[in-house]
């Protein structure tokens, strides 16, 4: 490991530790617990993205109706499958 790589890794660890302390302070200030955050869905995995356009808008393909950006593309004659990820 080079000196620069070691310094970068140390900086990342320091920033991470600072972020954790900040989060803990915010939780203390608002009287929040990990259980409350978990109940609010804060730790649920994000939905799997199945469709994405060039602008980065995405849709998982299962929740709610087809989003406007994809509906407009389909109405313009494009295939839904051309936006499929993976």
PDB file of N, CA and C in Angstrom:
ATOM      1  N   UNK A   1       0.866  -1.181   0.000  1.00  0.00           N
ATOM      2  CA  UNK A   1       0.000   0.000   0.000  1.00  0.00           C
ATOM      3  C   UNK A   1       0.903   1.232   0.000  1.00  0.00           C
ATOM      4  N   UNK A   2       0.613   2.130  -0.896  1.00  0.00           N
ATOM      5  CA  UNK A   2       1.418   3.352  -0.968  1.00  0.00           C
ATOM      6  C   UNK A   2       1.018   4.290   0.161  1.00  0.00           C
ATOM      7  N   UNK A   3       1.853   5.299   0.390  1.00  0.00           N
ATOM      8  CA  UNK A   3       1.572   6.274   1.450  1.00  0.00           C
ATOM      9  C   UNK A   3       0.282   7.025   1.146  1.00  0.00           C
ATOM     10  N   UNK A   4       0.057   7.342  -0.128  1.00  0.00           N
ATOM     11  CA  UNK A   4      -1.160   8.078  -0.515  1.00  0.00           C
ATOM     12  C   UNK A   4      -2.398   7.213  -0.289  1.00  0.00           C
ATOM     13  N   UNK A   5      -2.319   5.932  -0.635  1.00  0.00           N
ATOM     14  CA  UNK A   5      -3.452   5.026  -0.434  1.00  0.00           C
ATOM     15  C   UNK A   5      -3.749   4.879   1.057  1.00  0.00           C
ATOM     16  N   UNK A   6      -2.700   4.768   1.868  1.00  0.00           N
ATOM     17  CA  UNK A   6      -2.879   4.654   3.314  1.00  0.00           C
ATOM     18  C   UNK A   6      -3.517   5.919   3.873  1.00  0.00           C
ATOM     19  N   UNK A   7      -3.089   7.078   3.368  1.00  0.00           N
ATOM     20  CA  UNK A   7      -3.640   8.343   3.842  1.00  0.00           C
ATOM     21  C   UNK A   7      -5.118   8.463   3.444  1.00  0.00           C
ATOM     22  N   UNK A   8      -5.437   8.056   2.234  1.00  0.00           N
ATOM     23  CA  UNK A   8      -6.821   8.097   1.762  1.00  0.00           C
ATOM     24  C   UNK A   8      -7.696   7.173   2.603  1.00  0.00           C
ATOM     25  N   UNK A   9      -7.205   5.986   2.898  1.00  0.00           N
ATOM     26  CA  UNK A   9      -7.957   5.030   3.717  1.00  0.00           C
ATOM     27  C   UNK A   9      -8.166   5.586   5.123  1.00  0.00           C
ATOM     28  N   UNK A  10      -7.139   6.239   5.684  1.00  0.00           N
ATOM     29  CA  UNK A  10      -7.251   6.811   7.017  1.00  0.00           C
ATOM     30  C   UNK A  10      -8.263   7.956   7.019  1.00  0.00           C
ATOM     31  N   UNK A  11      -8.242   8.777   5.981  1.00  0.00           N
ATOM     32  CA  UNK A  11      -9.188   9.888   5.868  1.00  0.00           C
ATOM     33  C   UNK A  11     -10.610   9.355   5.769  1.00  0.00           C
ATOM     34  N   UNK A  12     -10.814   8.298   4.989  1.00  0.00           N
ATOM     35  CA  UNK A  12     -12.142   7.709   4.849  1.00  0.00           C
ATOM     36  C   UNK A  12     -12.636   7.159   6.186  1.00  0.00           C
ATOM     37  N   UNK A  13     -11.762   6.527   6.944  1.00  0.00           N
ATOM     38  CA  UNK A  13     -12.146   5.992   8.261  1.00  0.00           C
ATOM     39  C   UNK A  13     -12.503   7.123   9.218  1.00  0.00           C
ATOM     40  N   UNK A  14     -11.728   8.207   9.170  1.00  0.00           N
ATOM     41  CA  UNK A  14     -11.999   9.362  10.030  1.00  0.00           C
ATOM     42  C   UNK A  14     -13.331  10.000   9.670  1.00  0.00           C
ATOM     43  N   UNK A  15     -13.584  10.179   8.377  1.00  0.00           N
ATOM     44  CA  UNK A  15     -14.855  10.759   7.936  1.00  0.00           C
ATOM     45  C   UNK A  15     -16.022   9.866   8.325  1.00  0.00           C
ATOM     46  N   UNK A  16     -15.853   8.579   8.207  1.00  0.00           N
ATOM     47  CA  UNK A  16     -16.909   7.635   8.590  1.00  0.00           C
ATOM     48  C   UNK A  16     -17.188   7.726  10.089  1.00  0.00           C
ATOM     49  N   UNK A  17     -16.137   7.776  10.883  1.00  0.00           N
ATOM     50  CA  UNK A  17     -16.305   7.885  12.336  1.00  0.00           C
ATOM     51  C   UNK A  17     -16.996   9.199  12.694  1.00  0.00           C
ATOM     52  N   UNK A  18     -16.627  10.282  12.019  1.00  0.00           N
ATOM     53  CA  UNK A  18     -17.272  11.579  12.247  1.00  0.00           C
ATOM     54  C   UNK A  18     -18.755  11.512  11.896  1.00  0.00           C
ATOM     55  N   UNK A  19     -19.073  10.845  10.794  1.00  0.00           N
ATOM     56  CA  UNK A  19     -20.478  10.719  10.367  1.00  0.00           C
ATOM     57  C   UNK A  19     -21.274   9.912  11.385  1.00  0.00           C
ATOM     58  N   UNK A  20     -20.690   8.854  11.893  1.00  0.00           N
ATOM     59  CA  UNK A  20     -21.379   8.031  12.897  1.00  0.00           C
ATOM     60  C   UNK A  20     -21.644   8.836  14.159  1.00  0.00           C
ATOM     61  N   UNK A  21     -20.657   9.609  14.593  1.00  0.00           N
ATOM     62  CA  UNK A  21     -20.864  10.446  15.786  1.00  0.00           C
ATOM     63  C   UNK A  21     -21.962  11.478  15.549  1.00  0.00           C
ATOM     64  N   UNK A  22     -22.011  12.058  14.349  1.00  0.00           N
ATOM     65  CA  UNK A  22     -23.032  13.046  14.025  1.00  0.00           C
ATOM     66  C   UNK A  22     -24.420  12.409  14.047  1.00  0.00           C
ATOM     67  N   UNK A  23     -24.536  11.231  13.471  1.00  0.00           N
ATOM     68  CA  UNK A  23     -25.822  10.523  13.462  1.00  0.00           C
ATOM     69  C   UNK A  23     -26.252  10.205  14.887  1.00  0.00           C
ATOM     70  N   UNK A  24     -25.320   9.733  15.699  1.00  0.00           N
ATOM     71  CA  UNK A  24     -25.654   9.429  17.099  1.00  0.00           C
ATOM     72  C   UNK A  24     -26.112  10.682  17.831  1.00  0.00           C
ATOM     73  N   UNK A  25     -25.468  11.813  17.586  1.00  0.00           N
ATOM     74  CA  UNK A  25     -25.865  13.071  18.229  1.00  0.00           C
ATOM     75  C   UNK A  25     -27.260  13.487  17.781  1.00  0.00           C
ATOM     76  N   UNK A  26     -27.553  13.322  16.488  1.00  0.00           N
ATOM     77  CA  UNK A  26     -28.889  13.670  15.983  1.00  0.00           C
ATOM     78  C   UNK A  26     -29.951  12.780  16.621  1.00  0.00           C
ATOM     79  N   UNK A  27     -29.650  11.507  16.730  1.00  0.00           N
ATOM     80  CA  UNK A  27     -30.602  10.584  17.361  1.00  0.00           C
ATOM     81  C   UNK A  27     -30.839  10.976  18.810  1.00  0.00           C
ATOM     82  N   UNK A  28     -29.769  11.343  19.515  1.00  0.00           N
ATOM     83  CA  UNK A  28     -29.909  11.783  20.904  1.00  0.00           C
ATOM     84  C   UNK A  28     -30.743  13.057  20.993  1.00  0.00           C
ATOM     85  N   UNK A  29     -30.471  14.022  20.099  1.00  0.00           N
ATOM     86  CA  UNK A  29     -31.200  15.294  20.109  1.00  0.00           C
ATOM     87  C   UNK A  29     -32.697  15.101  19.896  1.00  0.00           C
ATOM     88  N   UNK A  30     -33.054  14.154  19.037  1.00  0.00           N
ATOM     89  CA  UNK A  30     -34.459  13.924  18.720  1.00  0.00           C
ATOM     90  C   UNK A  30     -35.076  12.773  19.521  1.00  0.00           C
ATOM     91  N   UNK A  31     -34.272  12.165  20.380  1.00  0.00           N
ATOM     92  CA  UNK A  31     -34.781  11.073  21.209  1.00  0.00           C
ATOM     93  C   UNK A  31     -35.179   9.850  20.401  1.00  0.00           C
ATOM     94  N   UNK A  32     -34.434   9.560  19.347  1.00  0.00           N
ATOM     95  CA  UNK A  32     -34.759   8.437  18.474  1.00  0.00           C
ATOM     96  C   UNK A  32     -33.941   7.210  18.851  1.00  0.00           C
ATOM     97  N   UNK A  33     -34.547   6.045  18.647  1.00  0.00           N
ATOM     98  CA  UNK A  33     -33.858   4.779  18.894  1.00  0.00           C
ATOM     99  C   UNK A  33     -33.686   4.033  17.578  1.00  0.00           C
ATOM    100  N   UNK A  34     -32.804   3.051  17.590  1.00  0.00           N
ATOM    101  CA  UNK A  34     -32.614   2.214  16.404  1.00  0.00           C
ATOM    102  C   UNK A  34     -33.908   1.483  16.054  1.00  0.00           C
ATOM    103  N   UNK A  35     -34.638   1.075  17.079  1.00  0.00           N
ATOM    104  CA  UNK A  35     -35.901   0.371  16.851  1.00  0.00           C
ATOM    105  C   UNK A  35     -36.903   1.259  16.116  1.00  0.00           C
ATOM    106  N   UNK A  36     -36.947   2.535  16.490  1.00  0.00           N
ATOM    107  CA  UNK A  36     -37.860   3.465  15.811  1.00  0.00           C
ATOM    108  C   UNK A  36     -37.454   3.667  14.358  1.00  0.00           C
ATOM    109  N   UNK A  37     -36.156   3.774  14.126  1.00  0.00           N
ATOM    110  CA  UNK A  37     -35.682   3.928  12.751  1.00  0.00           C
ATOM    111  C   UNK A  37     -35.991   2.683  11.928  1.00  0.00           C
ATOM    112  N   UNK A  38     -35.801   1.515  12.520  1.00  0.00           N
ATOM    113  CA  UNK A  38     -36.100   0.267  11.811  1.00  0.00           C
ATOM    114  C   UNK A  38     -37.592   0.174  11.502  1.00  0.00           C
ATOM    115  N   UNK A  39     -38.442   0.559  12.471  1.00  0.00           N
ATOM    116  CA  UNK A  39     -39.892   0.515  12.266  1.00  0.00           C
ATOM    117  C   UNK A  39     -40.321   1.484  11.170  1.00  0.00           C
ATOM    118  N   UNK A  40     -39.565   2.565  10.984  1.00  0.00           N
ATOM    119  CA  UNK A  40     -39.885   3.553   9.948  1.00  0.00           C
ATOM    120  C   UNK A  40     -39.369   3.118   8.574  1.00  0.00           C
ATOM    121  N   UNK A  41     -38.694   1.970   8.512  1.00  0.00           N
ATOM    122  CA  UNK A  41     -38.209   1.455   7.232  1.00  0.00           C
ATOM    123  C   UNK A  41     -36.850   1.969   6.819  1.00  0.00           C
ATOM    124  N   UNK A  42     -36.124   2.591   7.729  1.00  0.00           N
ATOM    125  CA  UNK A  42     -34.824   3.179   7.382  1.00  0.00           C
ATOM    126  C   UNK A  42     -33.785   2.145   6.938  1.00  0.00           C
ATOM    127  N   UNK A  43     -33.970   0.900   7.326  1.00  0.00           N
ATOM    128  CA  UNK A  43     -32.970  -0.116   7.012  1.00  0.00           C
ATOM    129  C   UNK A  43     -33.461  -1.126   5.992  1.00  0.00           C
ATOM    130  N   UNK A  44     -34.642  -0.878   5.415  1.00  0.00           N
ATOM    131  CA  UNK A  44     -35.155  -1.772   4.381  1.00  0.00           C
ATOM    132  C   UNK A  44     -34.293  -1.621   3.135  1.00  0.00           C
ATOM    133  N   UNK A  45     -34.049  -2.719   2.434  1.00  0.00           N
ATOM    134  CA  UNK A  45     -33.258  -2.596   1.210  1.00  0.00           C
ATOM    135  C   UNK A  45     -34.034  -1.808   0.162  1.00  0.00           C
ATOM    136  N   UNK A  46     -33.331  -1.063  -0.676  1.00  0.00           N
ATOM    137  CA  UNK A  46     -34.027  -0.310  -1.718  1.00  0.00           C
ATOM    138  C   UNK A  46     -34.655  -1.268  -2.724  1.00  0.00           C
ATOM    139  N   UNK A  47     -35.716  -0.843  -3.383  1.00  0.00           N
ATOM    140  CA  UNK A  47     -36.323  -1.724  -4.380  1.00  0.00           C
ATOM    141  C   UNK A  47     -35.357  -1.981  -5.536  1.00  0.00           C
ATOM    142  N   UNK A  48     -35.478  -3.146  -6.136  1.00  0.00           N
ATOM    143  CA  UNK A  48     -34.631  -3.503  -7.268  1.00  0.00           C
ATOM    144  C   UNK A  48     -35.079  -2.692  -8.482  1.00  0.00           C
ATOM    145  N   UNK A  49     -34.121  -2.049  -9.132  1.00  0.00           N
ATOM    146  CA  UNK A  49     -34.419  -1.257 -10.325  1.00  0.00           C
ATOM    147  C   UNK A  49     -34.471  -2.200 -11.522  1.00  0.00           C
ATOM    148  N   UNK A  50     -35.591  -2.171 -12.244  1.00  0.00           N
ATOM    149  CA  UNK A  50     -35.726  -3.011 -13.432  1.00  0.00           C
ATOM    150  C   UNK A  50     -35.716  -2.195 -14.725  1.00  0.00           C
ATOM    151  N   UNK A  51     -36.060  -0.915 -14.617  1.00  0.00           N
ATOM    152  CA  UNK A  51     -36.091  -0.055 -15.801  1.00  0.00           C
ATOM    153  C   UNK A  51     -35.432   1.272 -15.466  1.00  0.00           C
ATOM    154  N   UNK A  52     -34.620   1.798 -16.406  1.00  0.00           N
ATOM    155  CA  UNK A  52     -33.948   3.083 -16.175  1.00  0.00           C
ATOM    156  C   UNK A  52     -33.767   3.780 -17.512  1.00  0.00           C
ATOM    157  N   UNK A  53     -33.929   5.108 -17.501  1.00  0.00           N
ATOM    158  CA  UNK A  53     -33.693   5.873 -18.735  1.00  0.00           C
ATOM    159  C   UNK A  53     -32.329   6.557 -18.669  1.00  0.00           C
ATOM    160  N   UNK A  54     -31.970   7.243 -19.728  1.00  0.00           N
ATOM    161  CA  UNK A  54     -30.652   7.894 -19.809  1.00  0.00           C
ATOM    162  C   UNK A  54     -30.488   9.003 -18.776  1.00  0.00           C
ATOM    163  N   UNK A  55     -31.601   9.580 -18.317  1.00  0.00           N
ATOM    164  CA  UNK A  55     -31.541  10.647 -17.316  1.00  0.00           C
ATOM    165  C   UNK A  55     -31.394  10.091 -15.900  1.00  0.00           C
ATOM    166  N   UNK A  56     -31.409   8.760 -15.766  1.00  0.00           N
ATOM    167  CA  UNK A  56     -31.245   8.142 -14.453  1.00  0.00           C
ATOM    168  C   UNK A  56     -32.543   7.881 -13.713  1.00  0.00           C
ATOM    169  N   UNK A  57     -33.676   8.200 -14.327  1.00  0.00           N
ATOM    170  CA  UNK A  57     -34.956   7.907 -13.686  1.00  0.00           C
ATOM    171  C   UNK A  57     -35.175   6.404 -13.743  1.00  0.00           C
ATOM    172  N   UNK A  58     -35.717   5.838 -12.665  1.00  0.00           N
ATOM    173  CA  UNK A  58     -35.857   4.399 -12.616  1.00  0.00           C
ATOM    174  C   UNK A  58     -37.216   3.981 -12.073  1.00  0.00           C
ATOM    175  N   UNK A  59     -37.509   2.705 -12.290  1.00  0.00           N
ATOM    176  CA  UNK A  59     -38.765   2.109 -11.820  1.00  0.00           C
ATOM    177  C   UNK A  59     -38.494   0.647 -11.572  1.00  0.00           C
ATOM    178  N   UNK A  60     -39.088   0.112 -10.485  1.00  0.00           N
ATOM    179  CA  UNK A  60     -38.846  -1.293 -10.173  1.00  0.00           C
ATOM    180  C   UNK A  60     -39.782  -2.232 -10.927  1.00  0.00           C
ATOM    181  N   UNK A  61     -40.773  -1.695 -11.606  1.00  0.00           N
ATOM    182  CA  UNK A  61     -41.644  -2.503 -12.436  1.00  0.00           C
ATOM    183  C   UNK A  61     -42.796  -3.162 -11.713  1.00  0.00           C
ATOM    184  N   UNK A  62     -42.874  -2.983 -10.405  1.00  0.00           N
ATOM    185  CA  UNK A  62     -43.941  -3.649  -9.667  1.00  0.00           C
ATOM    186  C   UNK A  62     -44.791  -2.701  -8.835  1.00  0.00           C
ATOM    187  N   UNK A  63     -44.185  -1.669  -8.282  1.00  0.00           N
ATOM    188  CA  UNK A  63     -44.953  -0.769  -7.432  1.00  0.00           C
ATOM    189  C   UNK A  63     -45.637   0.294  -8.260  1.00  0.00           C
ATOM    190  N   UNK A  64     -46.841   0.578  -7.930  1.00  0.00           N
ATOM    191  CA  UNK A  64     -47.657   1.608  -8.566  1.00  0.00           C
ATOM    192  C   UNK A  64     -47.765   1.408 -10.073  1.00  0.00           C
ATOM    193  N   UNK A  65     -48.235   2.415 -10.733  1.00  0.00           N
ATOM    194  CA  UNK A  65     -48.380   2.367 -12.183  1.00  0.00           C
ATOM    195  C   UNK A  65     -47.053   2.727 -12.850  1.00  0.00           C
ATOM    196  N   UNK A  66     -47.003   2.487 -14.144  1.00  0.00           N
ATOM    197  CA  UNK A  66     -45.825   2.853 -14.918  1.00  0.00           C
ATOM    198  C   UNK A  66     -45.593   4.359 -14.773  1.00  0.00           C
ATOM    199  N   UNK A  67     -44.373   4.781 -14.481  1.00  0.00           N
ATOM    200  CA  UNK A  67     -44.108   6.218 -14.299  1.00  0.00           C
ATOM    201  C   UNK A  67     -44.292   6.991 -15.602  1.00  0.00           C
ATOM    202  N   UNK A  68     -44.530   8.286 -15.458  1.00  0.00           N
ATOM    203  CA  UNK A  68     -44.781   9.145 -16.625  1.00  0.00           C
ATOM    204  C   UNK A  68     -43.671   9.080 -17.657  1.00  0.00           C
ATOM    205  N   UNK A  69     -42.417   9.110 -17.226  1.00  0.00           N
ATOM    206  CA  UNK A  69     -41.315   9.119 -18.178  1.00  0.00           C
ATOM    207  C   UNK A  69     -41.332   7.880 -19.063  1.00  0.00           C
ATOM    208  N   UNK A  70     -41.673   6.724 -18.489  1.00  0.00           N
ATOM    209  CA  UNK A  70     -41.705   5.484 -19.257  1.00  0.00           C
ATOM    210  C   UNK A  70     -42.983   5.405 -20.103  1.00  0.00           C
ATOM    211  N   UNK A  71     -44.076   5.859 -19.558  1.00  0.00           N
ATOM    212  CA  UNK A  71     -45.332   5.872 -20.313  1.00  0.00           C
ATOM    213  C   UNK A  71     -45.201   6.756 -21.559  1.00  0.00           C
ATOM    214  N   UNK A  72     -44.571   7.921 -21.407  1.00  0.00           N
ATOM    215  CA  UNK A  72     -44.372   8.810 -22.564  1.00  0.00           C
ATOM    216  C   UNK A  72     -43.508   8.141 -23.632  1.00  0.00           C
ATOM    217  N   UNK A  73     -42.464   7.440 -23.205  1.00  0.00           N
ATOM    218  CA  UNK A  73     -41.582   6.759 -24.160  1.00  0.00           C
ATOM    219  C   UNK A  73     -42.347   5.662 -24.897  1.00  0.00           C
ATOM    220  N   UNK A  74     -43.136   4.890 -24.180  1.00  0.00           N
ATOM    221  CA  UNK A  74     -43.923   3.816 -24.800  1.00  0.00           C
ATOM    222  C   UNK A  74     -44.956   4.407 -25.755  1.00  0.00           C
ATOM    223  N   UNK A  75     -45.608   5.483 -25.341  1.00  0.00           N
ATOM    224  CA  UNK A  75     -46.599   6.140 -26.206  1.00  0.00           C
ATOM    225  C   UNK A  75     -45.952   6.715 -27.469  1.00  0.00           C
ATOM    226  N   UNK A  76     -44.654   7.016 -27.377  1.00  0.00           N
ATOM    227  CA  UNK A  76     -43.927   7.542 -28.535  1.00  0.00           C
ATOM    228  C   UNK A  76     -43.405   6.418 -29.424  1.00  0.00           C
ATOM    229  N   UNK A  77     -43.723   5.160 -29.064  1.00  0.00           N
ATOM    230  CA  UNK A  77     -43.353   4.023 -29.904  1.00  0.00           C
ATOM    231  C   UNK A  77     -42.144   3.241 -29.456  1.00  0.00           C
ATOM    232  N   UNK A  78     -41.561   3.601 -28.320  1.00  0.00           N
ATOM    233  CA  UNK A  78     -40.395   2.866 -27.840  1.00  0.00           C
ATOM    234  C   UNK A  78     -40.843   1.640 -27.047  1.00  0.00           C
ATOM    235  N   UNK A  79     -39.999   0.643 -27.019  1.00  0.00           N
ATOM    236  CA  UNK A  79     -40.303  -0.586 -26.293  1.00  0.00           C
ATOM    237  C   UNK A  79     -39.925  -0.440 -24.826  1.00  0.00           C
ATOM    238  N   UNK A  80     -40.785  -0.953 -23.962  1.00  0.00           N
ATOM    239  CA  UNK A  80     -40.477  -0.961 -22.527  1.00  0.00           C
ATOM    240  C   UNK A  80     -39.174  -1.724 -22.291  1.00  0.00           C
ATOM    241  N   UNK A  81     -38.983  -2.790 -23.047  1.00  0.00           N
ATOM    242  CA  UNK A  81     -37.797  -3.635 -22.848  1.00  0.00           C
ATOM    243  C   UNK A  81     -36.492  -2.910 -23.177  1.00  0.00           C
ATOM    244  N   UNK A  82     -36.547  -1.860 -23.966  1.00  0.00           N
ATOM    245  CA  UNK A  82     -35.324  -1.110 -24.252  1.00  0.00           C
ATOM    246  C   UNK A  82     -34.823  -0.349 -23.029  1.00  0.00           C
ATOM    247  N   UNK A  83     -35.650  -0.234 -22.011  1.00  0.00           N
ATOM    248  CA  UNK A  83     -35.273   0.449 -20.764  1.00  0.00           C
ATOM    249  C   UNK A  83     -34.941  -0.530 -19.642  1.00  0.00           C
ATOM    250  N   UNK A  84     -35.051  -1.835 -19.934  1.00  0.00           N
ATOM    251  CA  UNK A  84     -34.796  -2.843 -18.906  1.00  0.00           C
ATOM    252  C   UNK A  84     -33.325  -2.824 -18.511  1.00  0.00           C
ATOM    253  N   UNK A  85     -33.076  -2.934 -17.232  1.00  0.00           N
ATOM    254  CA  UNK A  85     -31.715  -2.972 -16.690  1.00  0.00           C
ATOM    255  C   UNK A  85     -31.313  -4.431 -16.542  1.00  0.00           C
ATOM    256  N   UNK A  86     -30.135  -4.759 -17.003  1.00  0.00           N
ATOM    257  CA  UNK A  86     -29.619  -6.118 -16.820  1.00  0.00           C
ATOM    258  C   UNK A  86     -30.231  -7.084 -17.689  1.00  0.00           C
TER     259      UNK A  86
END
